Structures are given as C-alpha cells and as structure tokens.
Amino acid sequence: MLKTTVLTKNLHSVKDGVMLLGGFDGLHLGHCVLLAKAKSYGLPVGIMTIVGGKSRESVFTPAERNELFRTAGIDYVFELPFSEICDTSFADFAALLVDKFSPKRFVCGEDFRFGKGALGSPQALERATRVRVDVEELAKLNGEKISTATVKKRLAEGEVEKANELLAREFFLLGEVLEDRKVGRTIGFPTANIAYPSDKFPLKRGVYETRVEVDGREYRCITNYGARPTFDDLSVLTETHLDGFTGNLYGKTLKVRFVRFLREIEKFESAEKLQAQLQKDIRRVREND
C-alpha cells in the first residue's frame, strides 16, 4: 500500500512543498546534494522512497530510512512498494504525484527514470505536470560515481569506513535487543543481540568496532555479525558488547553504528581463548589501534 509518513511536527499539509524523486535507499552524499537543493526553496520537503525493489535487500530498512530522513530535516516520506508501482505508466505516476502532493517543485538526479519500462524522464515529468523539475548532475567522490550500488559493494567487502565516507554518516542497524542464551556474560562480555533483518543488505560477516548510545551516553563497542562457531551456533545475529555499560537492555531499541572492520570470525578451541581474543579486540577499540 502506498503510504505517506509525516516526520516533523511543524508540517500541517503535504501540499505545496518540494518533492525529492528517486529510490532513496537511505541518504548518501549524492542524495545530500539533492536535499540541499530542495531545502534552498524554504518550503516543506518530501522524499520518495521505494521498498522491495529489484534487489530486495536495501542498505537501510524503512524504519531506518525514516530515522535518517527525520534527522536530515525532511518533513514527509512517500513510501512506494515496488510491487505496486512497477507496472504503473509514467503518465499515471506523474498524475498521482500531482494529485496527492501538488508540489511547487520536483528535485531529482539526472539519471532519474520512472514508470513502467523506465520510460518517464525528468523532462517528461515536467511536461506532464507543468511543475518545474530541477535536475542535478550526479555527484562523484575521487572520480567515482556515488551510488547505492557502490555503497553495497563496500559493505559486502567489509570496507565500512569507505561506505561511511559515501554515506556521509556511519552505516547502522536499528533493532530491538533480544533475549538470547546469555553466553557472553559467562566470559565477561555480555552482549546486546539484535536480529539482522532479511531485507537489509548484509555487510561482510565479521567482528566490527561499533558505537551505541544509551540514555544519552555513547559507548565504544565490538560487534560480531554472523555465526558463533566457538559455541557451534550457526544462526546469524549481531552481538554487541558495550564497553563499560552495566544494566538491562532487553526489549530496548538500539542503533548500532559500524565504524570499522576488526577481524574475521573464528572458531576458538575454548571459551577462554575466545575471551582472550575479545580482550584484544576491546583494547584495540579503546586505544583506536
């Protein structure tokens, strides 16, 4: 179902604003250029986002995207399930945008296409709606086009620092802390465990330096994303140890921000050897080694 989500309290209507056009699987540096252009008009800003596209796995889940869009100062989100719009003609889609939002301006990248068969172009949209469409050149970083595909490539290779550079923020996971086997606490490393969504693009499995904020305080962390082979547990989960935290996190929603890849996941001969390695990992995080 097509859905509009209002993100800011100061928005009374989705009419007469500026709409950003594209898939917007989050916000990377190229998207930020479009957002800056949209904000320059001093009008409410809406953003279009596609859920369940061809690749199915998105860099950020719908809930994570809304968190990004809200903090970026976007006023509302127009969420479109790919399955419901893939056969919509560009003329019908253009009419939908005008009827629902009556925008004063559209803003998009030069590669934006829409409608069945990707037959709709920014120029066709302007002719069909009589609404001005601002078309921005594609942004590049170090000569490389900034795209969601490039971000995914970096994540798949475990290069979160490079992915973060493209995203202009840290790649993150937003989720509820689950009650698991509580093995970590037996070796002095209690963890906050969060299921990795099936529709979220999987970064390389491994051990990462991460950050988590709890009650206004930021903690340096280590996160294992993947299986737990030392304990013969092959289920995929994120286990995050918050250095210096004491308390109960079960049921809380945490935002785990990935900083850098530390090492591959290993199967250790004993819990004691795993403990020794985790002590090395947390030392590296504390000392920025």
C-alpha atoms as a PDB file:
ATOM      1  CA  MET A   1       0.000   0.000   0.000  1.00  0.00           C
ATOM      2  CA  LEU A   2       1.275   3.478  -0.900  1.00  0.00           C
ATOM      3  CA  LYS A   3       1.899   5.312   2.360  1.00  0.00           C
ATOM      4  CA  THR A   4       2.800   8.836   3.413  1.00  0.00           C
ATOM      5  CA  THR A   5       4.577   9.256   6.750  1.00  0.00           C
ATOM      6  CA  VAL A   6       4.873  12.696   8.344  1.00  0.00           C
ATOM      7  CA  LEU A   7       8.181  13.080  10.177  1.00  0.00           C
ATOM      8  CA  THR A   8       8.090  16.587  11.618  1.00  0.00           C
ATOM      9  CA  LYS A   9       5.629  18.257  13.956  1.00  0.00           C
ATOM     10  CA  ASN A  10       5.698  21.550  12.066  1.00  0.00           C
ATOM     11  CA  LEU A  11       4.136  20.073   8.917  1.00  0.00           C
ATOM     12  CA  HIS A  12       0.391  20.578   8.583  1.00  0.00           C
ATOM     13  CA  SER A  13      -0.013  19.536   4.944  1.00  0.00           C
ATOM     14  CA  VAL A  14       1.946  17.626   2.312  1.00  0.00           C
ATOM     15  CA  LYS A  15       0.755  20.086  -0.315  1.00  0.00           C
ATOM     16  CA  ASP A  16       2.779  22.883  -1.909  1.00  0.00           C
ATOM     17  CA  GLY A  17       6.248  21.665  -0.982  1.00  0.00           C
ATOM     18  CA  VAL A  18       9.312  20.340  -2.780  1.00  0.00           C
ATOM     19  CA  MET A  19       9.494  16.628  -3.567  1.00  0.00           C
ATOM     20  CA  LEU A  20      12.713  14.670  -3.968  1.00  0.00           C
ATOM     21  CA  LEU A  21      12.369  11.965  -6.601  1.00  0.00           C
ATOM     22  CA  GLY A  22      14.239   8.652  -6.645  1.00  0.00           C
ATOM     23  CA  GLY A  23      14.513   5.330  -4.866  1.00  0.00           C
ATOM     24  CA  PHE A  24      16.314   6.820  -1.840  1.00  0.00           C
ATOM     25  CA  ASP A  25      17.567   3.713  -0.112  1.00  0.00           C
ATOM     26  CA  GLY A  26      18.853   5.968   2.639  1.00  0.00           C
ATOM     27  CA  LEU A  27      20.913   9.115   2.051  1.00  0.00           C
ATOM     28  CA  HIS A  28      24.383   9.077   0.502  1.00  0.00           C
ATOM     29  CA  LEU A  29      26.488  12.091  -0.490  1.00  0.00           C
ATOM     30  CA  GLY A  30      24.779  12.354  -3.876  1.00  0.00           C
ATOM     31  CA  HIS A  31      21.373  12.390  -2.226  1.00  0.00           C
ATOM     32  CA  CYS A  32      22.570  15.109   0.138  1.00  0.00           C
ATOM     33  CA  VAL A  33      23.246  17.371  -2.858  1.00  0.00           C
ATOM     34  CA  LEU A  34      19.625  16.918  -3.948  1.00  0.00           C
ATOM     35  CA  LEU A  35      18.379  17.543  -0.414  1.00  0.00           C
ATOM     36  CA  ALA A  36      20.346  20.786  -0.148  1.00  0.00           C
ATOM     37  CA  LYS A  37      18.780  21.976  -3.399  1.00  0.00           C
ATOM     38  CA  ALA A  38      15.287  21.086  -2.165  1.00  0.00           C
ATOM     39  CA  LYS A  39      15.820  22.877   1.144  1.00  0.00           C
ATOM     40  CA  SER A  40      17.050  26.015  -0.618  1.00  0.00           C
ATOM     41  CA  TYR A  41      13.454  26.940  -1.512  1.00  0.00           C
ATOM     42  CA  GLY A  42      12.385  27.263   2.104  1.00  0.00           C
ATOM     43  CA  LEU A  43       9.357  25.011   1.582  1.00  0.00           C
ATOM     44  CA  PRO A  44       8.361  21.702   3.218  1.00  0.00           C
ATOM     45  CA  VAL A  45      10.443  18.867   1.759  1.00  0.00           C
ATOM     46  CA  GLY A  46       9.116  15.416   0.940  1.00  0.00           C
ATOM     47  CA  ILE A  47      11.026  12.396  -0.293  1.00  0.00           C
ATOM     48  CA  MET A  48      10.024   9.407  -2.353  1.00  0.00           C
ATOM     49  CA  THR A  49      11.376   6.012  -1.308  1.00  0.00           C
ATOM     50  CA  ILE A  50      10.897   2.588  -2.888  1.00  0.00           C
ATOM     51  CA  VAL A  51      10.515  -0.533  -0.754  1.00  0.00           C
ATOM     52  CA  GLY A  52      11.183  -4.058  -2.008  1.00  0.00           C
ATOM     53  CA  GLY A  53      12.861  -3.147  -5.270  1.00  0.00           C
ATOM     54  CA  LYS A  54      14.556  -5.435  -7.759  1.00  0.00           C
ATOM     55  CA  SER A  55      17.490  -6.152  -5.463  1.00  0.00           C
ATOM     56  CA  ARG A  56      15.102  -6.653  -2.488  1.00  0.00           C
ATOM     57  CA  GLU A  57      17.883  -6.060   0.047  1.00  0.00           C
ATOM     58  CA  SER A  58      18.209  -2.374   0.960  1.00  0.00           C
ATOM     59  CA  VAL A  59      21.046  -0.591   2.706  1.00  0.00           C
ATOM     60  CA  PHE A  60      18.534   0.691   5.255  1.00  0.00           C
ATOM     61  CA  THR A  61      15.154  -0.723   6.276  1.00  0.00           C
ATOM     62  CA  PRO A  62      12.052   1.523   6.049  1.00  0.00           C
ATOM     63  CA  ALA A  63      12.257   2.263   9.788  1.00  0.00           C
ATOM     64  CA  GLU A  64      15.967   3.120   9.488  1.00  0.00           C
ATOM     65  CA  ARG A  65      15.285   5.345   6.489  1.00  0.00           C
ATOM     66  CA  ASN A  66      12.657   7.284   8.402  1.00  0.00           C
ATOM     67  CA  GLU A  67      15.203   7.822  11.168  1.00  0.00           C
ATOM     68  CA  LEU A  68      17.685   9.149   8.590  1.00  0.00           C
ATOM     69  CA  PHE A  69      15.136  11.339   6.835  1.00  0.00           C
ATOM     70  CA  ARG A  70      13.837  12.816  10.091  1.00  0.00           C
ATOM     71  CA  THR A  71      17.305  13.745  11.369  1.00  0.00           C
ATOM     72  CA  ALA A  72      18.110  15.239   7.929  1.00  0.00           C
ATOM     73  CA  GLY A  73      15.159  17.619   8.286  1.00  0.00           C
ATOM     74  CA  ILE A  74      12.866  16.018   5.725  1.00  0.00           C
ATOM     75  CA  ASP A  75       9.199  16.651   6.501  1.00  0.00           C
ATOM     76  CA  TYR A  76       7.452  13.644   4.982  1.00  0.00           C
ATOM     77  CA  VAL A  77       8.106  10.367   3.181  1.00  0.00           C
ATOM     78  CA  PHE A  78       6.134   8.913   0.281  1.00  0.00           C
ATOM     79  CA  GLU A  79       6.710   5.169   0.528  1.00  0.00           C
ATOM     80  CA  LEU A  80       6.100   3.072  -2.590  1.00  0.00           C
ATOM     81  CA  PRO A  81       6.206  -0.744  -2.589  1.00  0.00           C
ATOM     82  CA  PHE A  82       7.939  -1.722  -5.833  1.00  0.00           C
ATOM     83  CA  SER A  83       5.413  -4.487  -6.491  1.00  0.00           C
ATOM     84  CA  GLU A  84       2.595  -1.938  -6.626  1.00  0.00           C
ATOM     85  CA  ILE A  85       4.207   0.613  -8.929  1.00  0.00           C
ATOM     86  CA  CYS A  86       6.357  -1.464 -11.300  1.00  0.00           C
ATOM     87  CA  ASP A  87       3.540  -1.697 -13.869  1.00  0.00           C
ATOM     88  CA  THR A  88       2.297   1.877 -13.470  1.00  0.00           C
ATOM     89  CA  SER A  89       2.727   4.010 -16.596  1.00  0.00           C
ATOM     90  CA  PHE A  90       4.798   7.159 -16.265  1.00  0.00           C
ATOM     91  CA  ALA A  91       1.713   9.260 -17.114  1.00  0.00           C
ATOM     92  CA  ASP A  92      -0.332   7.691 -14.318  1.00  0.00           C
ATOM     93  CA  PHE A  93       2.538   8.023 -11.890  1.00  0.00           C
ATOM     94  CA  ALA A  94       3.024  11.693 -12.769  1.00  0.00           C
ATOM     95  CA  ALA A  95      -0.705  12.287 -12.221  1.00  0.00           C
ATOM     96  CA  LEU A  96      -0.502  10.532  -8.843  1.00  0.00           C
ATOM     97  CA  LEU A  97       2.294  12.812  -7.647  1.00  0.00           C
ATOM     98  CA  VAL A  98       0.406  15.961  -8.602  1.00  0.00           C
ATOM     99  CA  ASP A  99      -2.988  14.826  -7.276  1.00  0.00           C
ATOM    100  CA  LYS A 100      -1.577  13.688  -3.938  1.00  0.00           C
ATOM    101  CA  PHE A 101       1.047  16.359  -3.246  1.00  0.00           C
ATOM    102  CA  SER A 102       0.555  19.382  -5.581  1.00  0.00           C
ATOM    103  CA  PRO A 103       4.287  20.174  -5.319  1.00  0.00           C
ATOM    104  CA  LYS A 104       5.766  23.546  -6.221  1.00  0.00           C
ATOM    105  CA  ARG A 105       8.981  21.861  -7.354  1.00  0.00           C
ATOM    106  CA  PHE A 106      10.471  18.463  -8.048  1.00  0.00           C
ATOM    107  CA  VAL A 107      14.183  17.759  -7.498  1.00  0.00           C
ATOM    108  CA  CYS A 108      15.998  14.710  -8.906  1.00  0.00           C
ATOM    109  CA  GLY A 109      19.280  13.428 -10.266  1.00  0.00           C
ATOM    110  CA  GLU A 110      19.991  13.352 -13.983  1.00  0.00           C
ATOM    111  CA  ASP A 111      19.604   9.559 -14.068  1.00  0.00           C
ATOM    112  CA  PHE A 112      16.090   9.569 -12.570  1.00  0.00           C
ATOM    113  CA  ARG A 113      13.568   7.485 -14.542  1.00  0.00           C
ATOM    114  CA  PHE A 114      10.115   6.340 -13.510  1.00  0.00           C
ATOM    115  CA  GLY A 115       7.053   4.432 -14.669  1.00  0.00           C
ATOM    116  CA  LYS A 116       6.744   1.097 -16.432  1.00  0.00           C
ATOM    117  CA  GLY A 117       9.796   0.357 -18.536  1.00  0.00           C
ATOM    118  CA  ALA A 118      11.509   3.422 -17.026  1.00  0.00           C
ATOM    119  CA  LEU A 119      10.005   5.464 -19.844  1.00  0.00           C
ATOM    120  CA  GLY A 120       9.468   8.582 -17.751  1.00  0.00           C
ATOM    121  CA  SER A 121      12.255  11.162 -17.665  1.00  0.00           C
ATOM    122  CA  PRO A 122      12.560  14.415 -15.697  1.00  0.00           C
ATOM    123  CA  GLN A 123      11.691  16.295 -18.874  1.00  0.00           C
ATOM    124  CA  ALA A 124       8.604  14.131 -19.480  1.00  0.00           C
ATOM    125  CA  LEU A 125       7.514  14.719 -15.875  1.00  0.00           C
ATOM    126  CA  GLU A 126       7.785  18.475 -16.289  1.00  0.00           C
ATOM    127  CA  ARG A 127       5.739  18.395 -19.485  1.00  0.00           C
ATOM    128  CA  ALA A 128       3.079  16.135 -17.958  1.00  0.00           C
ATOM    129  CA  THR A 129       2.663  18.019 -14.683  1.00  0.00           C
ATOM    130  CA  ARG A 130       3.655  21.599 -15.592  1.00  0.00           C
ATOM    131  CA  VAL A 131       5.704  21.571 -12.390  1.00  0.00           C
ATOM    132  CA  ARG A 132       9.333  22.696 -12.571  1.00  0.00           C
ATOM    133  CA  VAL A 133      11.836  19.829 -12.238  1.00  0.00           C
ATOM    134  CA  ASP A 134      15.335  20.708 -11.039  1.00  0.00           C
ATOM    135  CA  VAL A 135      17.811  18.152 -12.379  1.00  0.00           C
ATOM    136  CA  GLU A 136      21.172  17.857 -10.629  1.00  0.00           C
ATOM    137  CA  GLU A 137      24.325  16.276 -12.016  1.00  0.00           C
ATOM    138  CA  LEU A 138      25.447  13.004 -10.476  1.00  0.00           C
ATOM    139  CA  ALA A 139      27.868  13.502  -7.605  1.00  0.00           C
ATOM    140  CA  LYS A 140      31.288  11.854  -7.613  1.00  0.00           C
ATOM    141  CA  LEU A 141      33.913  11.134  -4.984  1.00  0.00           C
ATOM    142  CA  ASN A 142      37.521  10.655  -6.085  1.00  0.00           C
ATOM    143  CA  GLY A 143      36.271  10.368  -9.659  1.00  0.00           C
ATOM    144  CA  GLU A 144      33.798   7.588  -8.822  1.00  0.00           C
ATOM    145  CA  LYS A 145      30.037   7.947  -9.148  1.00  0.00           C
ATOM    146  CA  ILE A 146      28.377   7.955  -5.733  1.00  0.00           C
ATOM    147  CA  SER A 147      25.628   5.349  -5.801  1.00  0.00           C
ATOM    148  CA  THR A 148      23.806   2.851  -3.641  1.00  0.00           C
ATOM    149  CA  ALA A 149      25.446   0.066  -5.664  1.00  0.00           C
ATOM    150  CA  THR A 150      28.897   1.372  -4.676  1.00  0.00           C
ATOM    151  CA  VAL A 151      27.878   1.566  -1.022  1.00  0.00           C
ATOM    152  CA  LYS A 152      26.700  -2.052  -1.162  1.00  0.00           C
ATOM    153  CA  LYS A 153      29.962  -3.143  -2.766  1.00  0.00           C
ATOM    154  CA  ARG A 154      31.946  -1.573   0.055  1.00  0.00           C
ATOM    155  CA  LEU A 155      29.736  -3.175   2.716  1.00  0.00           C
ATOM    156  CA  ALA A 156      29.997  -6.605   1.090  1.00  0.00           C
ATOM    157  CA  GLU A 157      33.788  -6.308   1.264  1.00  0.00           C
ATOM    158  CA  GLY A 158      33.741  -5.209   4.905  1.00  0.00           C
ATOM    159  CA  GLU A 159      35.025  -1.748   3.976  1.00  0.00           C
ATOM    160  CA  VAL A 160      32.633   0.119   6.256  1.00  0.00           C
ATOM    161  CA  GLU A 161      34.952   3.113   6.558  1.00  0.00           C
ATOM    162  CA  LYS A 162      34.725   3.655   2.785  1.00  0.00           C
ATOM    163  CA  ALA A 163      30.974   3.008   2.842  1.00  0.00           C
ATOM    164  CA  ASN A 164      30.601   5.553   5.643  1.00  0.00           C
ATOM    165  CA  GLU A 165      32.502   8.102   3.582  1.00  0.00           C
ATOM    166  CA  LEU A 166      29.973   7.668   0.767  1.00  0.00           C
ATOM    167  CA  LEU A 167      27.045   7.750   3.186  1.00  0.00           C
ATOM    168  CA  ALA A 168      28.347  10.860   4.994  1.00  0.00           C
ATOM    169  CA  ARG A 169      27.468   9.025   8.213  1.00  0.00           C
ATOM    170  CA  GLU A 170      28.012   5.616   9.777  1.00  0.00           C
ATOM    171  CA  PHE A 171      26.184   2.612   8.400  1.00  0.00           C
ATOM    172  CA  PHE A 172      23.875   1.415  11.153  1.00  0.00           C
ATOM    173  CA  LEU A 173      21.475  -1.248  12.332  1.00  0.00           C
ATOM    174  CA  LEU A 174      18.319  -0.286  14.216  1.00  0.00           C
ATOM    175  CA  GLY A 175      16.621  -3.052  16.163  1.00  0.00           C
ATOM    176  CA  GLU A 176      15.241  -4.455  19.384  1.00  0.00           C
ATOM    177  CA  VAL A 177      17.548  -6.247  21.808  1.00  0.00           C
ATOM    178  CA  LEU A 178      16.586  -9.924  22.054  1.00  0.00           C
ATOM    179  CA  GLU A 179      16.982 -12.274  24.981  1.00  0.00           C
ATOM    180  CA  ASP A 180      19.372 -14.987  23.827  1.00  0.00           C
ATOM    181  CA  ARG A 181      21.465 -17.701  25.502  1.00  0.00           C
ATOM    182  CA  LYS A 182      23.436 -15.184  27.623  1.00  0.00           C
ATOM    183  CA  VAL A 183      26.717 -16.966  26.895  1.00  0.00           C
ATOM    184  CA  GLY A 184      28.690 -13.735  26.596  1.00  0.00           C
ATOM    185  CA  ARG A 185      28.215 -12.764  30.217  1.00  0.00           C
ATOM    186  CA  THR A 186      29.784 -16.066  31.351  1.00  0.00           C
ATOM    187  CA  ILE A 187      33.122 -14.968  29.864  1.00  0.00           C
ATOM    188  CA  GLY A 188      32.877 -11.332  30.939  1.00  0.00           C
ATOM    189  CA  PHE A 189      31.491  -9.984  27.657  1.00  0.00           C
ATOM    190  CA  PRO A 190      27.700  -9.554  27.917  1.00  0.00           C
ATOM    191  CA  THR A 191      26.153  -8.623  24.589  1.00  0.00           C
ATOM    192  CA  ALA A 192      23.088  -6.879  23.220  1.00  0.00           C
ATOM    193  CA  ASN A 193      21.803  -9.174  20.487  1.00  0.00           C
ATOM    194  CA  ILE A 194      19.790  -7.843  17.545  1.00  0.00           C
ATOM    195  CA  ALA A 195      18.426  -9.870  14.627  1.00  0.00           C
ATOM    196  CA  TYR A 196      19.693  -8.672  11.244  1.00  0.00           C
ATOM    197  CA  PRO A 197      16.639  -8.017   9.007  1.00  0.00           C
ATOM    198  CA  SER A 198      16.286 -10.291   5.989  1.00  0.00           C
ATOM    199  CA  ASP A 199      15.511  -7.290   3.766  1.00  0.00           C
ATOM    200  CA  LYS A 200      18.612  -5.356   4.847  1.00  0.00           C
ATOM    201  CA  PHE A 201      21.736  -5.630   2.697  1.00  0.00           C
ATOM    202  CA  PRO A 202      24.198  -7.910   4.515  1.00  0.00           C
ATOM    203  CA  LEU A 203      27.626  -6.465   5.137  1.00  0.00           C
ATOM    204  CA  LYS A 204      30.577  -8.839   5.300  1.00  0.00           C
ATOM    205  CA  ARG A 205      30.375 -11.169   8.278  1.00  0.00           C
ATOM    206  CA  GLY A 206      32.992 -10.415  10.855  1.00  0.00           C
ATOM    207  CA  VAL A 207      33.875  -8.533  14.020  1.00  0.00           C
ATOM    208  CA  TYR A 208      33.500  -4.751  13.899  1.00  0.00           C
ATOM    209  CA  GLU A 209      34.187  -1.711  16.002  1.00  0.00           C
ATOM    210  CA  THR A 210      30.833  -0.034  16.603  1.00  0.00           C
ATOM    211  CA  ARG A 211      29.151   2.713  18.631  1.00  0.00           C
ATOM    212  CA  VAL A 212      25.889   2.626  20.578  1.00  0.00           C
ATOM    213  CA  GLU A 213      24.176   5.409  22.501  1.00  0.00           C
ATOM    214  CA  VAL A 214      22.155   4.553  25.601  1.00  0.00           C
ATOM    215  CA  ASP A 215      20.376   7.230  27.652  1.00  0.00           C
ATOM    216  CA  GLY A 216      22.466   9.995  26.140  1.00  0.00           C
ATOM    217  CA  ARG A 217      25.829   8.298  26.657  1.00  0.00           C
ATOM    218  CA  GLU A 218      27.843   6.880  23.780  1.00  0.00           C
ATOM    219  CA  TYR A 219      29.649   3.575  24.257  1.00  0.00           C
ATOM    220  CA  ARG A 220      32.568   2.133  22.298  1.00  0.00           C
ATOM    221  CA  CYS A 221      31.626  -1.389  21.275  1.00  0.00           C
ATOM    222  CA  ILE A 222      32.641  -4.536  19.470  1.00  0.00           C
ATOM    223  CA  THR A 223      30.029  -6.280  17.351  1.00  0.00           C
ATOM    224  CA  ASN A 224      30.088  -9.797  15.968  1.00  0.00           C
ATOM    225  CA  TYR A 225      27.929 -10.038  12.857  1.00  0.00           C
ATOM    226  CA  GLY A 226      27.451 -13.633  11.781  1.00  0.00           C
ATOM    227  CA  ALA A 227      27.592 -17.080  13.358  1.00  0.00           C
ATOM    228  CA  ARG A 228      29.048 -18.080  16.758  1.00  0.00           C
ATOM    229  CA  PRO A 229      31.215 -21.056  15.693  1.00  0.00           C
ATOM    230  CA  THR A 230      33.013 -21.455  19.030  1.00  0.00           C
ATOM    231  CA  PHE A 231      29.657 -22.469  20.519  1.00  0.00           C
ATOM    232  CA  ASP A 232      28.520 -24.354  17.362  1.00  0.00           C
ATOM    233  CA  ASP A 233      25.789 -21.776  16.748  1.00  0.00           C
ATOM    234  CA  LEU A 234      25.442 -21.098  13.012  1.00  0.00           C
ATOM    235  CA  SER A 235      22.483 -18.700  13.272  1.00  0.00           C
ATOM    236  CA  VAL A 236      23.261 -15.187  12.007  1.00  0.00           C
ATOM    237  CA  LEU A 237      22.913 -12.425  14.578  1.00  0.00           C
ATOM    238  CA  THR A 238      24.589  -9.214  15.675  1.00  0.00           C
ATOM    239  CA  GLU A 239      26.095  -9.415  19.159  1.00  0.00           C
ATOM    240  CA  THR A 240      27.306  -6.107  20.547  1.00  0.00           C
ATOM    241  CA  HIS A 241      29.387  -5.669  23.687  1.00  0.00           C
ATOM    242  CA  LEU A 242      29.100  -2.131  25.088  1.00  0.00           C
ATOM    243  CA  ASP A 243      32.361  -1.319  26.854  1.00  0.00           C
ATOM    244  CA  GLY A 244      31.623  -0.017  30.342  1.00  0.00           C
ATOM    245  CA  PHE A 245      27.851  -0.488  30.240  1.00  0.00           C
ATOM    246  CA  THR A 246      26.012  -2.156  33.107  1.00  0.00           C
ATOM    247  CA  GLY A 247      22.287  -2.731  33.043  1.00  0.00           C
ATOM    248  CA  ASN A 248      19.483  -4.487  31.203  1.00  0.00           C
ATOM    249  CA  LEU A 249      18.884  -3.708  27.531  1.00  0.00           C
ATOM    250  CA  TYR A 250      16.328  -6.422  26.723  1.00  0.00           C
ATOM    251  CA  GLY A 251      13.419  -5.006  24.739  1.00  0.00           C
ATOM    252  CA  LYS A 252      15.138  -1.676  24.064  1.00  0.00           C
ATOM    253  CA  THR A 253      15.642  -0.421  20.518  1.00  0.00           C
ATOM    254  CA  LEU A 254      19.310   0.320  19.838  1.00  0.00           C
ATOM    255  CA  LYS A 255      21.100   1.936  16.940  1.00  0.00           C
ATOM    256  CA  VAL A 256      24.381   0.119  16.285  1.00  0.00           C
ATOM    257  CA  ARG A 257      26.738   2.270  14.191  1.00  0.00           C
ATOM    258  CA  PHE A 258      29.528   0.444  12.371  1.00  0.00           C
ATOM    259  CA  VAL A 259      32.925   2.159  12.486  1.00  0.00           C
ATOM    260  CA  ARG A 260      35.457  -0.307  11.060  1.00  0.00           C
ATOM    261  CA  PHE A 261      36.153  -3.977  10.366  1.00  0.00           C
ATOM    262  CA  LEU A 262      38.386  -5.547  13.018  1.00  0.00           C
ATOM    263  CA  ARG A 263      38.802  -9.189  12.015  1.00  0.00           C
ATOM    264  CA  GLU A 264      37.265 -12.326  10.581  1.00  0.00           C
ATOM    265  CA  ILE A 265      35.035 -14.570  12.692  1.00  0.00           C
ATOM    266  CA  GLU A 266      36.985 -17.517  14.115  1.00  0.00           C
ATOM    267  CA  LYS A 267      36.194 -20.811  15.809  1.00  0.00           C
ATOM    268  CA  PHE A 268      38.243 -20.949  19.011  1.00  0.00           C
ATOM    269  CA  GLU A 269      39.262 -24.114  20.829  1.00  0.00           C
ATOM    270  CA  SER A 270      37.719 -22.931  24.082  1.00  0.00           C
ATOM    271  CA  ALA A 271      35.673 -20.163  25.656  1.00  0.00           C
ATOM    272  CA  GLU A 272      38.841 -18.993  27.405  1.00  0.00           C
ATOM    273  CA  LYS A 273      40.651 -18.450  24.100  1.00  0.00           C
ATOM    274  CA  LEU A 274      37.646 -16.562  22.739  1.00  0.00           C
ATOM    275  CA  GLN A 275      37.691 -14.428  25.876  1.00  0.00           C
ATOM    276  CA  ALA A 276      41.387 -13.635  25.347  1.00  0.00           C
ATOM    277  CA  GLN A 277      40.690 -12.549  21.762  1.00  0.00           C
ATOM    278  CA  LEU A 278      37.763 -10.365  22.820  1.00  0.00           C
ATOM    279  CA  GLN A 279      40.043  -8.670  25.341  1.00  0.00           C
ATOM    280  CA  LYS A 280      42.424  -7.876  22.468  1.00  0.00           C
ATOM    281  CA  ASP A 281      39.522  -6.583  20.370  1.00  0.00           C
ATOM    282  CA  ILE A 282      38.226  -4.241  23.058  1.00  0.00           C
ATOM    283  CA  ARG A 283      41.759  -2.984  23.722  1.00  0.00           C
ATOM    284  CA  ARG A 284      42.080  -2.053  20.040  1.00  0.00           C
ATOM    285  CA  VAL A 285      38.782  -0.182  20.228  1.00  0.00           C
ATOM    286  CA  ARG A 286      39.750   1.669  23.415  1.00  0.00           C
ATOM    287  CA  GLU A 287      43.139   2.661  22.024  1.00  0.00           C
ATOM    288  CA  ASN A 288      41.963   3.237  18.445  1.00  0.00           C
ATOM    289  CA  ASP A 289      44.604   0.725  17.348  1.00  0.00           C
END
